[in-house]
Amino acid sequence: MLTPRVIHFEIYAEDIARAKKFYQDVFDWKIERSEGSVEYWSVITGKGDEPGIDGGIMKRQGKEPKADTPISTYICTIGVPNLDEYLNRIQKHGGKITMEKKPIRGVGWYAYCLDTEKNIFGVMQPDASAR
């Protein structure tokens, strides 16, 4: 029997080209236009034999979230080998850090950021010695 798991994510963007560039430049993701009547871009985050999920980018249907908008959706967290390096990359490519680097005891280091479309996401570096 199939165990329910998150298997896909979607990123909503006002400017799809800008969002596509951000995720390609920061995380080296492969992003390709999908066939169909709706503009949809498939996001491949890694190799099929590695842990993780793939997703998509599509046009935002509603208004852009405001800076003080409470979190009201799932937050996807992206595993990275070096959190400080990726926080620098995120800022260099137009993203913002919304919660500075913090430890999760025995798990690793994490932070929350905004992409160029004001979507919040997490980044985490595994580190069993984090305190």
Protein backbone atom coordinates (compact mmCIF):
# COMPACT_ATOMS: atom_id res chain seq x y z
CA MET A 1 0.00 0.00 0.00
CA LEU A 2 1.23 3.49 -0.86
CA THR A 3 2.21 5.66 2.10
CA PRO A 4 0.99 9.26 1.70
CA ARG A 5 4.00 11.54 1.08
CA VAL A 6 4.62 14.92 -0.47
CA ILE A 7 5.53 14.12 -4.09
CA HIS A 8 5.38 17.46 -5.94
CA PHE A 9 5.59 21.19 -5.24
CA GLU A 10 4.53 24.29 -7.15
CA ILE A 11 6.04 27.77 -7.06
CA TYR A 12 3.74 30.63 -8.04
CA ALA A 13 5.30 33.60 -9.79
CA GLU A 14 4.26 36.99 -11.08
CA ASP A 15 7.27 36.88 -13.41
CA ILE A 16 7.99 33.28 -14.45
CA ALA A 17 11.24 34.16 -16.24
CA ARG A 18 12.56 35.91 -13.11
CA ALA A 19 11.57 32.98 -10.86
CA LYS A 20 13.07 30.48 -13.31
CA LYS A 21 16.37 32.40 -13.36
CA PHE A 22 16.46 32.65 -9.55
CA TYR A 23 16.07 28.90 -8.96
CA GLN A 24 18.44 27.96 -11.77
CA ASP A 25 21.12 30.41 -10.60
CA VAL A 26 20.85 29.64 -6.88
CA PHE A 27 20.21 25.88 -6.83
CA ASP A 28 21.25 24.75 -10.34
CA TRP A 29 17.80 23.25 -10.95
CA LYS A 30 16.78 22.20 -14.45
CA ILE A 31 13.59 24.02 -15.48
CA GLU A 32 11.79 23.24 -18.76
CA ARG A 33 8.52 24.34 -20.36
CA SER A 34 5.85 21.63 -20.17
CA GLU A 35 3.44 20.86 -22.99
CA GLY A 36 -0.15 21.99 -22.57
CA SER A 37 -2.48 24.94 -22.75
CA VAL A 38 -1.43 26.42 -19.38
CA GLU A 39 2.04 27.96 -19.10
CA TYR A 40 3.74 25.50 -16.78
CA TRP A 41 7.42 24.88 -16.19
CA SER A 42 8.67 21.54 -14.82
CA VAL A 43 11.35 21.82 -12.13
CA ILE A 44 13.86 18.98 -11.80
CA THR A 45 15.75 19.41 -8.53
CA GLY A 46 18.16 16.49 -8.76
CA LYS A 47 18.81 13.00 -10.02
CA GLY A 48 15.99 10.46 -9.86
CA ASP A 49 17.93 8.13 -7.55
CA GLU A 50 18.55 10.87 -4.93
CA PRO A 51 16.12 11.79 -2.13
CA GLY A 52 13.84 14.72 -2.88
CA ILE A 53 10.94 15.77 -5.06
CA ASP A 54 10.45 17.74 -8.25
CA GLY A 55 7.85 20.37 -8.96
CA GLY A 56 6.75 23.20 -11.20
CA ILE A 57 6.50 26.94 -11.69
CA MET A 58 3.32 28.61 -12.86
CA LYS A 59 1.73 32.05 -13.01
CA ARG A 60 0.41 33.35 -9.69
CA GLN A 61 -3.40 33.46 -9.80
CA GLY A 62 -3.97 35.95 -6.98
CA LYS A 63 -2.22 38.94 -5.45
CA GLU A 64 1.44 38.91 -4.43
CA PRO A 65 1.95 38.20 -0.71
CA LYS A 66 2.81 41.28 1.39
CA ALA A 67 5.83 41.46 3.70
CA ASP A 68 3.63 41.15 6.81
CA THR A 69 1.37 38.41 5.41
CA PRO A 70 1.24 35.51 7.87
CA ILE A 71 2.45 32.15 6.61
CA SER A 72 -0.62 30.32 5.36
CA THR A 73 0.82 27.57 3.16
CA TYR A 74 3.24 24.69 3.35
CA ILE A 75 6.89 25.73 3.39
CA CYS A 76 9.29 23.65 1.32
CA THR A 77 12.80 23.33 2.74
CA ILE A 78 15.75 22.79 0.42
CA GLY A 79 18.74 20.78 1.65
CA VAL A 80 22.10 22.43 0.91
CA PRO A 81 25.69 21.39 1.66
CA ASN A 82 26.74 24.80 3.06
CA LEU A 83 24.05 27.11 4.44
CA ASP A 84 26.19 30.26 4.57
CA GLU A 85 27.20 29.84 0.91
CA TYR A 86 23.58 29.42 -0.18
CA LEU A 87 22.33 32.35 1.90
CA ASN A 88 24.88 34.48 0.04
CA ARG A 89 23.76 33.05 -3.33
CA ILE A 90 20.10 33.69 -2.51
CA GLN A 91 20.79 37.36 -1.72
CA LYS A 92 23.10 37.76 -4.74
CA HIS A 93 20.29 36.61 -7.05
CA GLY A 94 17.54 38.83 -5.62
CA GLY A 95 16.21 36.77 -2.71
CA LYS A 96 15.99 37.87 0.92
CA ILE A 97 16.67 36.22 4.25
CA THR A 98 13.57 36.48 6.46
CA MET A 99 14.82 34.38 9.39
CA GLU A 100 18.53 34.22 10.07
CA LYS A 101 20.48 30.95 10.42
CA LYS A 102 19.47 28.96 13.52
CA PRO A 103 20.39 25.51 14.82
CA ILE A 104 18.08 22.54 15.19
CA ARG A 105 19.84 20.56 17.89
CA GLY A 106 21.37 17.37 16.50
CA VAL A 107 19.84 17.94 13.04
CA GLY A 108 21.42 20.94 11.35
CA TRP A 109 21.24 24.66 10.55
CA TYR A 110 18.26 26.32 8.86
CA ALA A 111 16.97 29.70 7.71
CA TYR A 112 13.89 31.05 5.93
CA CYS A 113 14.11 33.15 2.79
CA LEU A 114 11.97 34.84 0.15
CA ASP A 115 12.49 34.21 -3.55
CA THR A 116 12.14 36.95 -6.17
CA GLU A 117 8.35 36.35 -6.21
CA LYS A 118 8.03 36.80 -2.41
CA ASN A 119 7.43 33.08 -1.80
CA ILE A 120 8.87 31.87 1.50
CA PHE A 121 11.08 28.76 1.55
CA GLY A 122 13.50 27.13 3.94
CA VAL A 123 17.12 26.11 3.45
CA MET A 124 18.84 23.58 5.69
CA GLN A 125 22.36 22.24 6.09
CA PRO A 126 22.55 18.85 7.82
CA ASP A 127 24.91 18.88 10.85
CA ALA A 128 24.46 16.40 13.70
CA SER A 129 26.70 18.58 15.91
CA ALA A 130 24.42 21.65 15.65
CA ARG A 131 23.55 23.10 19.06
